[in-house]
Amino acid sequence: MCTFAVFLYSMFMKHRLSLLLKYLSFVLLVAMLATSCVPQKKIKYLQKEQAKDTTSFFSNKRDVEYKVQPKDNLYIRVFSLDEKAFIFFNKQSGTSSYNDYANDASIYLNSYSVTPEGYIDFPIVGKVYVRDLNVDQIKSMIQQLINEYLKETNVVVKVVNFRITLVGEVSRPGIFTIYKDDINIFEALSMAGDMTEFANRSKVALIRQTKGGSRVQYLDLTSDDILNSDFYYLQPSDIIYVMPLGYKRWGLGTTFPWAIVLASVSTTLLLINYFSK
């Protein structure tokens, strides 16, 4: 009778262990699928709040007229048929070739730094106040000043410190130089290879330098309201920080060693089953 009881107990334990193995395997499989797949709603850009919304036009403040601030650097060149005039009004001699300005370092070294008071020191003309002026206004003002000395000249003005920084959940984080007058946030993200699968697209931090300090603005790129935002277009020195989703912070993303965990649990249960016979 005791032997039969032991036999029944042994069969019960084996059956219970088998059920436990199946249960744990199922739980691990569900957990792996749940945390390795990101819902489409968290990945898609420019979603509409209501399915009936058919809005196709969005108005935003396209502030391409960036206001020059202290510590900015301006690339200014005066072109003239008179070689002597070129020498006077430009930092390098008239024998300089185009290659002298073909890289960022050369352009920076041959640019004009805006002082904390808002001035640049331009040859012959002297100090010119440029703070809170856009590029076109500075170009027009310098052109008028130079016309007092020479005719038949053409002035070119560019902001050479238009750089943006992208960090966080992007494919290629880094500092990017912008060779155009304006750039929107989607263009900037494409330069960094777009966001990763586990980026929190509904809370992207835009850090912008202001006169009083740094301002942080959180943007929801999953909503098409971003197209109406004043922060849709970026400014020089903007920093974009793409935050990770919650379960990426806990290490449950694609890099989590699910295969190793499953193999370890299965092996442990099989050994327990073997030695319990």
C-alpha atoms as a PDB file:
ATOM      1  CA  MET A   1       0.000   0.000   0.000  1.00  0.00           C
ATOM      2  CA  CYS A   2       2.857   2.341   0.860  1.00  0.00           C
ATOM      3  CA  THR A   3       4.576   1.489  -2.427  1.00  0.00           C
ATOM      4  CA  PHE A   4       1.422   2.314  -4.368  1.00  0.00           C
ATOM      5  CA  ALA A   5       1.098   5.599  -2.499  1.00  0.00           C
ATOM      6  CA  VAL A   6       4.683   6.503  -3.328  1.00  0.00           C
ATOM      7  CA  PHE A   7       4.009   5.626  -6.961  1.00  0.00           C
ATOM      8  CA  LEU A   8       0.933   7.873  -7.050  1.00  0.00           C
ATOM      9  CA  TYR A   9       2.853  10.696  -5.371  1.00  0.00           C
ATOM     10  CA  SER A  10       5.667  10.300  -7.881  1.00  0.00           C
ATOM     11  CA  MET A  11       3.245  10.402 -10.823  1.00  0.00           C
ATOM     12  CA  PHE A  12       1.549  13.452  -9.330  1.00  0.00           C
ATOM     13  CA  MET A  13       4.862  15.289  -8.945  1.00  0.00           C
ATOM     14  CA  LYS A  14       5.918  14.441 -12.494  1.00  0.00           C
ATOM     15  CA  HIS A  15       2.607  15.644 -13.842  1.00  0.00           C
ATOM     16  CA  ARG A  16       2.834  18.796 -11.739  1.00  0.00           C
ATOM     17  CA  LEU A  17       6.398  19.427 -12.877  1.00  0.00           C
ATOM     18  CA  SER A  18       5.380  18.962 -16.503  1.00  0.00           C
ATOM     19  CA  LEU A  19       2.572  21.458 -16.094  1.00  0.00           C
ATOM     20  CA  LEU A  20       4.945  23.881 -14.370  1.00  0.00           C
ATOM     21  CA  LEU A  21       7.412  23.574 -17.240  1.00  0.00           C
ATOM     22  CA  LYS A  22       4.718  24.282 -19.822  1.00  0.00           C
ATOM     23  CA  TYR A  23       3.367  27.190 -17.772  1.00  0.00           C
ATOM     24  CA  LEU A  24       6.761  28.859 -17.331  1.00  0.00           C
ATOM     25  CA  SER A  25       7.612  28.376 -21.009  1.00  0.00           C
ATOM     26  CA  PHE A  26       4.311  29.955 -22.004  1.00  0.00           C
ATOM     27  CA  VAL A  27       4.801  32.898 -19.630  1.00  0.00           C
ATOM     28  CA  LEU A  28       8.336  33.529 -20.902  1.00  0.00           C
ATOM     29  CA  LEU A  29       7.201  33.302 -24.514  1.00  0.00           C
ATOM     30  CA  VAL A  30       4.377  35.797 -23.929  1.00  0.00           C
ATOM     31  CA  ALA A  31       6.721  38.149 -22.070  1.00  0.00           C
ATOM     32  CA  MET A  32       9.270  37.976 -24.867  1.00  0.00           C
ATOM     33  CA  LEU A  33       6.685  38.746 -27.546  1.00  0.00           C
ATOM     34  CA  ALA A  34       5.107  41.518 -25.490  1.00  0.00           C
ATOM     35  CA  THR A  35       8.362  43.368 -24.840  1.00  0.00           C
ATOM     36  CA  SER A  36      10.137  42.825 -28.150  1.00  0.00           C
ATOM     37  CA  CYS A  37       7.330  44.220 -30.281  1.00  0.00           C
ATOM     38  CA  VAL A  38       6.451  47.908 -30.176  1.00  0.00           C
ATOM     39  CA  PRO A  39       2.817  48.823 -30.974  1.00  0.00           C
ATOM     40  CA  GLN A  40       2.322  50.676 -34.259  1.00  0.00           C
ATOM     41  CA  LYS A  41       0.694  53.546 -32.387  1.00  0.00           C
ATOM     42  CA  LYS A  42       4.008  54.299 -30.678  1.00  0.00           C
ATOM     43  CA  ILE A  43       6.004  54.198 -33.934  1.00  0.00           C
ATOM     44  CA  LYS A  44       3.876  56.066 -36.472  1.00  0.00           C
ATOM     45  CA  TYR A  45       4.456  59.789 -37.000  1.00  0.00           C
ATOM     46  CA  LEU A  46       1.826  62.493 -37.576  1.00  0.00           C
ATOM     47  CA  GLN A  47      -1.208  60.560 -36.394  1.00  0.00           C
ATOM     48  CA  LYS A  48      -4.596  62.242 -36.325  1.00  0.00           C
ATOM     49  CA  GLU A  49      -6.537  62.386 -33.074  1.00  0.00           C
ATOM     50  CA  GLN A  50      -9.750  61.482 -34.846  1.00  0.00           C
ATOM     51  CA  ALA A  51     -10.191  59.171 -37.816  1.00  0.00           C
ATOM     52  CA  LYS A  52     -12.609  61.665 -39.424  1.00  0.00           C
ATOM     53  CA  ASP A  53      -9.993  64.434 -39.381  1.00  0.00           C
ATOM     54  CA  THR A  54      -9.105  65.198 -43.019  1.00  0.00           C
ATOM     55  CA  THR A  55      -6.952  68.279 -42.410  1.00  0.00           C
ATOM     56  CA  SER A  56      -4.235  68.541 -45.075  1.00  0.00           C
ATOM     57  CA  PHE A  57      -2.914  72.067 -44.494  1.00  0.00           C
ATOM     58  CA  PHE A  58      -0.957  73.113 -41.435  1.00  0.00           C
ATOM     59  CA  SER A  59       0.189  76.631 -40.599  1.00  0.00           C
ATOM     60  CA  ASN A  60       3.393  77.197 -38.658  1.00  0.00           C
ATOM     61  CA  LYS A  61       5.766  80.037 -37.987  1.00  0.00           C
ATOM     62  CA  ARG A  62       8.616  79.411 -40.399  1.00  0.00           C
ATOM     63  CA  ASP A  63      11.167  81.545 -38.624  1.00  0.00           C
ATOM     64  CA  VAL A  64      14.009  81.251 -41.124  1.00  0.00           C
ATOM     65  CA  GLU A  65      15.118  84.771 -40.235  1.00  0.00           C
ATOM     66  CA  TYR A  66      17.314  83.716 -37.334  1.00  0.00           C
ATOM     67  CA  LYS A  67      18.318  86.644 -35.122  1.00  0.00           C
ATOM     68  CA  VAL A  68      22.073  86.824 -34.668  1.00  0.00           C
ATOM     69  CA  GLN A  69      23.248  86.577 -31.062  1.00  0.00           C
ATOM     70  CA  PRO A  70      26.558  87.122 -29.215  1.00  0.00           C
ATOM     71  CA  LYS A  71      29.152  84.382 -29.834  1.00  0.00           C
ATOM     72  CA  ASP A  72      27.645  83.651 -33.253  1.00  0.00           C
ATOM     73  CA  ASN A  73      30.037  83.539 -36.188  1.00  0.00           C
ATOM     74  CA  LEU A  74      29.300  85.267 -39.472  1.00  0.00           C
ATOM     75  CA  TYR A  75      30.873  84.458 -42.800  1.00  0.00           C
ATOM     76  CA  ILE A  76      31.076  87.788 -44.658  1.00  0.00           C
ATOM     77  CA  ARG A  77      32.632  88.276 -48.072  1.00  0.00           C
ATOM     78  CA  VAL A  78      32.737  91.363 -50.266  1.00  0.00           C
ATOM     79  CA  PHE A  79      33.152  90.568 -53.947  1.00  0.00           C
ATOM     80  CA  SER A  80      34.463  93.190 -56.317  1.00  0.00           C
ATOM     81  CA  LEU A  81      36.230  93.397 -59.680  1.00  0.00           C
ATOM     82  CA  ASP A  82      38.792  95.574 -57.949  1.00  0.00           C
ATOM     83  CA  GLU A  83      41.380  93.220 -56.423  1.00  0.00           C
ATOM     84  CA  LYS A  84      42.564  95.857 -53.950  1.00  0.00           C
ATOM     85  CA  ALA A  85      39.032  96.269 -52.662  1.00  0.00           C
ATOM     86  CA  PHE A  86      38.768  92.517 -52.202  1.00  0.00           C
ATOM     87  CA  ILE A  87      41.959  92.527 -50.126  1.00  0.00           C
ATOM     88  CA  PHE A  88      40.803  95.440 -47.967  1.00  0.00           C
ATOM     89  CA  PHE A  89      37.397  94.058 -47.110  1.00  0.00           C
ATOM     90  CA  ASN A  90      38.241  90.369 -46.730  1.00  0.00           C
ATOM     91  CA  LYS A  91      40.427  88.610 -44.210  1.00  0.00           C
ATOM     92  CA  GLN A  92      42.533  86.751 -46.780  1.00  0.00           C
ATOM     93  CA  SER A  93      44.429  88.035 -49.782  1.00  0.00           C
ATOM     94  CA  GLY A  94      43.111  88.155 -53.301  1.00  0.00           C
ATOM     95  CA  THR A  95      45.299  85.207 -54.242  1.00  0.00           C
ATOM     96  CA  SER A  96      43.298  82.879 -51.994  1.00  0.00           C
ATOM     97  CA  SER A  97      41.649  80.033 -53.813  1.00  0.00           C
ATOM     98  CA  TYR A  98      38.200  78.561 -53.345  1.00  0.00           C
ATOM     99  CA  ASN A  99      39.772  75.605 -51.535  1.00  0.00           C
ATOM    100  CA  ASP A 100      40.747  77.942 -48.692  1.00  0.00           C
ATOM    101  CA  TYR A 101      37.057  78.044 -47.732  1.00  0.00           C
ATOM    102  CA  ALA A 102      36.140  74.475 -48.608  1.00  0.00           C
ATOM    103  CA  ASN A 103      36.095  73.089 -45.067  1.00  0.00           C
ATOM    104  CA  ASP A 104      34.394  74.021 -41.807  1.00  0.00           C
ATOM    105  CA  ALA A 105      37.614  74.941 -40.001  1.00  0.00           C
ATOM    106  CA  SER A 106      38.685  77.443 -42.676  1.00  0.00           C
ATOM    107  CA  ILE A 107      35.251  79.025 -42.846  1.00  0.00           C
ATOM    108  CA  TYR A 108      35.162  79.336 -39.053  1.00  0.00           C
ATOM    109  CA  LEU A 109      38.651  80.867 -38.835  1.00  0.00           C
ATOM    110  CA  ASN A 110      37.775  83.381 -41.542  1.00  0.00           C
ATOM    111  CA  SER A 111      34.456  84.350 -39.983  1.00  0.00           C
ATOM    112  CA  TYR A 112      33.568  87.283 -37.735  1.00  0.00           C
ATOM    113  CA  SER A 113      32.671  86.581 -34.092  1.00  0.00           C
ATOM    114  CA  VAL A 114      29.866  88.581 -32.537  1.00  0.00           C
ATOM    115  CA  THR A 115      31.038  90.162 -29.290  1.00  0.00           C
ATOM    116  CA  PRO A 116      29.019  89.935 -26.044  1.00  0.00           C
ATOM    117  CA  GLU A 117      27.894  93.503 -26.775  1.00  0.00           C
ATOM    118  CA  GLY A 118      26.568  92.458 -30.198  1.00  0.00           C
ATOM    119  CA  TYR A 119      29.228  93.940 -32.513  1.00  0.00           C
ATOM    120  CA  ILE A 120      31.523  92.636 -35.231  1.00  0.00           C
ATOM    121  CA  ASP A 121      34.744  94.423 -36.170  1.00  0.00           C
ATOM    122  CA  PHE A 122      34.616  94.776 -39.955  1.00  0.00           C
ATOM    123  CA  PRO A 123      37.640  96.032 -41.953  1.00  0.00           C
ATOM    124  CA  ILE A 124      37.671  99.719 -42.908  1.00  0.00           C
ATOM    125  CA  VAL A 125      34.066 100.184 -41.741  1.00  0.00           C
ATOM    126  CA  GLY A 126      34.817  99.493 -38.063  1.00  0.00           C
ATOM    127  CA  LYS A 127      32.371  98.155 -35.477  1.00  0.00           C
ATOM    128  CA  VAL A 128      28.965  97.109 -36.779  1.00  0.00           C
ATOM    129  CA  TYR A 129      26.069  96.291 -34.432  1.00  0.00           C
ATOM    130  CA  VAL A 130      24.433  93.044 -35.599  1.00  0.00           C
ATOM    131  CA  ARG A 131      22.706  91.638 -32.520  1.00  0.00           C
ATOM    132  CA  ASP A 132      19.047  90.659 -33.043  1.00  0.00           C
ATOM    133  CA  LEU A 133      19.330  91.259 -36.798  1.00  0.00           C
ATOM    134  CA  ASN A 134      18.736  88.580 -39.411  1.00  0.00           C
ATOM    135  CA  VAL A 135      21.162  87.758 -42.202  1.00  0.00           C
ATOM    136  CA  ASP A 136      19.378  89.878 -44.817  1.00  0.00           C
ATOM    137  CA  GLN A 137      19.371  92.925 -42.545  1.00  0.00           C
ATOM    138  CA  ILE A 138      23.089  92.549 -41.824  1.00  0.00           C
ATOM    139  CA  LYS A 139      23.848  92.108 -45.514  1.00  0.00           C
ATOM    140  CA  SER A 140      21.891  95.248 -46.435  1.00  0.00           C
ATOM    141  CA  MET A 141      23.540  97.307 -43.686  1.00  0.00           C
ATOM    142  CA  ILE A 142      27.087  96.260 -44.631  1.00  0.00           C
ATOM    143  CA  GLN A 143      26.337  96.818 -48.299  1.00  0.00           C
ATOM    144  CA  GLN A 144      25.263 100.411 -47.564  1.00  0.00           C
ATOM    145  CA  LEU A 145      28.399 101.026 -45.484  1.00  0.00           C
ATOM    146  CA  ILE A 146      30.696  99.685 -48.208  1.00  0.00           C
ATOM    147  CA  ASN A 147      28.933 101.693 -50.905  1.00  0.00           C
ATOM    148  CA  GLU A 148      30.349 104.799 -49.230  1.00  0.00           C
ATOM    149  CA  TYR A 149      33.809 103.609 -50.233  1.00  0.00           C
ATOM    150  CA  LEU A 150      33.282 101.553 -53.399  1.00  0.00           C
ATOM    151  CA  LYS A 151      30.711 100.874 -56.080  1.00  0.00           C
ATOM    152  CA  GLU A 152      30.029  97.683 -57.996  1.00  0.00           C
ATOM    153  CA  THR A 153      30.368  95.356 -54.982  1.00  0.00           C
ATOM    154  CA  ASN A 154      28.354  92.410 -53.747  1.00  0.00           C
ATOM    155  CA  VAL A 155      28.133  91.297 -50.103  1.00  0.00           C
ATOM    156  CA  VAL A 156      27.512  87.711 -48.953  1.00  0.00           C
ATOM    157  CA  VAL A 157      26.568  86.974 -45.322  1.00  0.00           C
ATOM    158  CA  LYS A 158      26.007  83.537 -43.783  1.00  0.00           C
ATOM    159  CA  VAL A 159      25.703  82.179 -40.245  1.00  0.00           C
ATOM    160  CA  VAL A 160      28.450  79.546 -40.016  1.00  0.00           C
ATOM    161  CA  ASN A 161      27.637  78.103 -36.593  1.00  0.00           C
ATOM    162  CA  PHE A 162      24.332  76.501 -37.650  1.00  0.00           C
ATOM    163  CA  ARG A 163      24.850  73.155 -35.983  1.00  0.00           C
ATOM    164  CA  ILE A 164      22.366  70.866 -34.265  1.00  0.00           C
ATOM    165  CA  THR A 165      22.939  67.961 -31.893  1.00  0.00           C
ATOM    166  CA  LEU A 166      20.921  64.741 -31.827  1.00  0.00           C
ATOM    167  CA  VAL A 167      21.350  62.285 -28.963  1.00  0.00           C
ATOM    168  CA  GLY A 168      19.432  59.427 -27.385  1.00  0.00           C
ATOM    169  CA  GLU A 169      17.407  56.862 -29.309  1.00  0.00           C
ATOM    170  CA  VAL A 170      18.573  57.737 -32.837  1.00  0.00           C
ATOM    171  CA  SER A 171      20.560  55.488 -35.157  1.00  0.00           C
ATOM    172  CA  ARG A 172      23.529  57.851 -35.566  1.00  0.00           C
ATOM    173  CA  PRO A 173      23.755  60.392 -32.712  1.00  0.00           C
ATOM    174  CA  GLY A 174      26.112  63.317 -33.181  1.00  0.00           C
ATOM    175  CA  ILE A 175      26.597  66.955 -34.104  1.00  0.00           C
ATOM    176  CA  PHE A 176      25.472  67.942 -37.610  1.00  0.00           C
ATOM    177  CA  THR A 177      26.365  71.055 -39.597  1.00  0.00           C
ATOM    178  CA  ILE A 178      23.501  72.550 -41.599  1.00  0.00           C
ATOM    179  CA  TYR A 179      24.366  74.042 -44.983  1.00  0.00           C
ATOM    180  CA  LYS A 180      21.027  75.731 -45.596  1.00  0.00           C
ATOM    181  CA  ASP A 181      18.938  78.549 -44.153  1.00  0.00           C
ATOM    182  CA  ASP A 182      16.483  76.376 -42.260  1.00  0.00           C
ATOM    183  CA  ILE A 183      15.761  72.778 -41.300  1.00  0.00           C
ATOM    184  CA  ASN A 184      12.734  71.129 -39.720  1.00  0.00           C
ATOM    185  CA  ILE A 185      12.816  68.448 -37.051  1.00  0.00           C
ATOM    186  CA  PHE A 186      12.056  65.561 -39.419  1.00  0.00           C
ATOM    187  CA  GLU A 187      14.905  66.559 -41.725  1.00  0.00           C
ATOM    188  CA  ALA A 188      17.193  66.668 -38.697  1.00  0.00           C
ATOM    189  CA  LEU A 189      16.125  63.194 -37.556  1.00  0.00           C
ATOM    190  CA  SER A 190      16.717  61.793 -41.035  1.00  0.00           C
ATOM    191  CA  MET A 191      20.314  63.065 -40.858  1.00  0.00           C
ATOM    192  CA  ALA A 192      20.754  60.906 -37.744  1.00  0.00           C
ATOM    193  CA  GLY A 193      19.265  57.840 -39.435  1.00  0.00           C
ATOM    194  CA  ASP A 194      15.801  58.318 -37.864  1.00  0.00           C
ATOM    195  CA  MET A 195      14.723  57.184 -34.401  1.00  0.00           C
ATOM    196  CA  THR A 196      15.248  53.632 -33.213  1.00  0.00           C
ATOM    197  CA  GLU A 197      12.389  51.216 -32.664  1.00  0.00           C
ATOM    198  CA  PHE A 198      12.352  51.942 -28.941  1.00  0.00           C
ATOM    199  CA  ALA A 199      12.347  55.744 -29.163  1.00  0.00           C
ATOM    200  CA  ASN A 200       9.615  57.594 -27.307  1.00  0.00           C
ATOM    201  CA  ARG A 201       8.208  59.569 -30.231  1.00  0.00           C
ATOM    202  CA  SER A 202       5.535  61.178 -28.084  1.00  0.00           C
ATOM    203  CA  LYS A 203       8.056  62.949 -25.833  1.00  0.00           C
ATOM    204  CA  VAL A 204      11.076  64.309 -27.707  1.00  0.00           C
ATOM    205  CA  ALA A 205      13.024  66.965 -25.811  1.00  0.00           C
ATOM    206  CA  LEU A 206      14.129  70.055 -27.735  1.00  0.00           C
ATOM    207  CA  ILE A 207      16.737  72.043 -25.794  1.00  0.00           C
ATOM    208  CA  ARG A 208      17.145  75.601 -27.054  1.00  0.00           C
ATOM    209  CA  GLN A 209      19.523  78.299 -25.851  1.00  0.00           C
ATOM    210  CA  THR A 210      17.909  81.619 -24.960  1.00  0.00           C
ATOM    211  CA  LYS A 211      19.183  84.888 -23.530  1.00  0.00           C
ATOM    212  CA  GLY A 212      18.253  83.770 -20.041  1.00  0.00           C
ATOM    213  CA  GLY A 213      19.476  80.172 -20.259  1.00  0.00           C
ATOM    214  CA  SER A 214      18.357  76.833 -21.677  1.00  0.00           C
ATOM    215  CA  ARG A 215      14.725  76.136 -22.516  1.00  0.00           C
ATOM    216  CA  VAL A 216      13.368  72.586 -22.780  1.00  0.00           C
ATOM    217  CA  GLN A 217      10.344  71.970 -24.981  1.00  0.00           C
ATOM    218  CA  TYR A 218       8.775  68.501 -25.256  1.00  0.00           C
ATOM    219  CA  LEU A 219       7.409  67.588 -28.680  1.00  0.00           C
ATOM    220  CA  ASP A 220       4.927  64.864 -29.654  1.00  0.00           C
ATOM    221  CA  LEU A 221       5.940  63.637 -33.096  1.00  0.00           C
ATOM    222  CA  THR A 222       3.181  61.034 -33.172  1.00  0.00           C
ATOM    223  CA  SER A 223       0.617  63.841 -33.501  1.00  0.00           C
ATOM    224  CA  ASP A 224       0.191  65.921 -36.641  1.00  0.00           C
ATOM    225  CA  ASP A 225      -0.110  68.977 -34.376  1.00  0.00           C
ATOM    226  CA  ILE A 226       3.685  69.216 -34.587  1.00  0.00           C
ATOM    227  CA  LEU A 227       3.216  70.707 -38.068  1.00  0.00           C
ATOM    228  CA  ASN A 228       1.556  73.733 -36.435  1.00  0.00           C
ATOM    229  CA  SER A 229       4.215  74.096 -33.761  1.00  0.00           C
ATOM    230  CA  ASP A 230       6.578  77.052 -33.460  1.00  0.00           C
ATOM    231  CA  PHE A 231       9.295  74.472 -32.781  1.00  0.00           C
ATOM    232  CA  TYR A 232       8.829  72.567 -36.041  1.00  0.00           C
ATOM    233  CA  TYR A 233      11.771  74.487 -37.544  1.00  0.00           C
ATOM    234  CA  LEU A 234      15.060  74.324 -35.673  1.00  0.00           C
ATOM    235  CA  GLN A 235      17.545  77.027 -34.788  1.00  0.00           C
ATOM    236  CA  PRO A 236      21.345  76.991 -34.518  1.00  0.00           C
ATOM    237  CA  SER A 237      22.707  75.122 -31.469  1.00  0.00           C
ATOM    238  CA  ASP A 238      19.423  73.269 -30.841  1.00  0.00           C
ATOM    239  CA  ILE A 239      19.789  69.920 -29.057  1.00  0.00           C
ATOM    240  CA  ILE A 240      17.309  67.103 -29.701  1.00  0.00           C
ATOM    241  CA  TYR A 241      17.175  64.376 -27.073  1.00  0.00           C
ATOM    242  CA  VAL A 242      15.093  61.340 -28.026  1.00  0.00           C
ATOM    243  CA  MET A 243      14.041  59.486 -24.878  1.00  0.00           C
ATOM    244  CA  PRO A 244      13.653  55.682 -24.728  1.00  0.00           C
ATOM    245  CA  LEU A 245      10.372  53.920 -24.083  1.00  0.00           C
ATOM    246  CA  GLY A 246       9.737  52.574 -20.585  1.00  0.00           C
ATOM    247  CA  TYR A 247      10.585  48.921 -21.183  1.00  0.00           C
ATOM    248  CA  LYS A 248      13.770  49.843 -23.042  1.00  0.00           C
ATOM    249  CA  ARG A 249      14.970  51.497 -19.833  1.00  0.00           C
ATOM    250  CA  TRP A 250      14.354  48.225 -18.013  1.00  0.00           C
ATOM    251  CA  GLY A 251      16.429  46.326 -20.537  1.00  0.00           C
ATOM    252  CA  LEU A 252      13.537  44.401 -22.080  1.00  0.00           C
ATOM    253  CA  GLY A 253      14.178  45.410 -25.664  1.00  0.00           C
ATOM    254  CA  THR A 254      15.670  43.496 -28.543  1.00  0.00           C
ATOM    255  CA  THR A 255      19.048  43.381 -26.802  1.00  0.00           C
ATOM    256  CA  PHE A 256      17.695  41.415 -23.824  1.00  0.00           C
ATOM    257  CA  PRO A 257      19.040  37.794 -23.958  1.00  0.00           C
ATOM    258  CA  TRP A 258      15.679  36.058 -24.098  1.00  0.00           C
ATOM    259  CA  ALA A 259      17.118  32.946 -25.781  1.00  0.00           C
ATOM    260  CA  ILE A 260      19.617  32.459 -22.966  1.00  0.00           C
ATOM    261  CA  VAL A 261      16.921  32.926 -20.313  1.00  0.00           C
ATOM    262  CA  LEU A 262      14.586  30.409 -21.963  1.00  0.00           C
ATOM    263  CA  ALA A 263      17.373  27.897 -22.429  1.00  0.00           C
ATOM    264  CA  SER A 264      18.492  28.251 -18.806  1.00  0.00           C
ATOM    265  CA  VAL A 265      14.964  27.828 -17.413  1.00  0.00           C
ATOM    266  CA  SER A 266      14.237  24.839 -19.650  1.00  0.00           C
ATOM    267  CA  THR A 267      17.512  23.137 -18.719  1.00  0.00           C
ATOM    268  CA  THR A 268      16.900  23.700 -15.001  1.00  0.00           C
ATOM    269  CA  LEU A 269      13.407  22.239 -15.162  1.00  0.00           C
ATOM    270  CA  LEU A 270      14.585  19.228 -17.163  1.00  0.00           C
ATOM    271  CA  LEU A 271      17.315  18.525 -14.598  1.00  0.00           C
ATOM    272  CA  ILE A 272      14.798  18.774 -11.766  1.00  0.00           C
ATOM    273  CA  ASN A 273      12.521  16.413 -13.638  1.00  0.00           C
ATOM    274  CA  TYR A 274      15.359  13.963 -14.255  1.00  0.00           C
ATOM    275  CA  PHE A 275      16.596  13.836 -10.656  1.00  0.00           C
ATOM    276  CA  SER A 276      13.089  13.600  -9.255  1.00  0.00           C
ATOM    277  CA  LYS A 277      12.507  10.249 -10.975  1.00  0.00           C
END
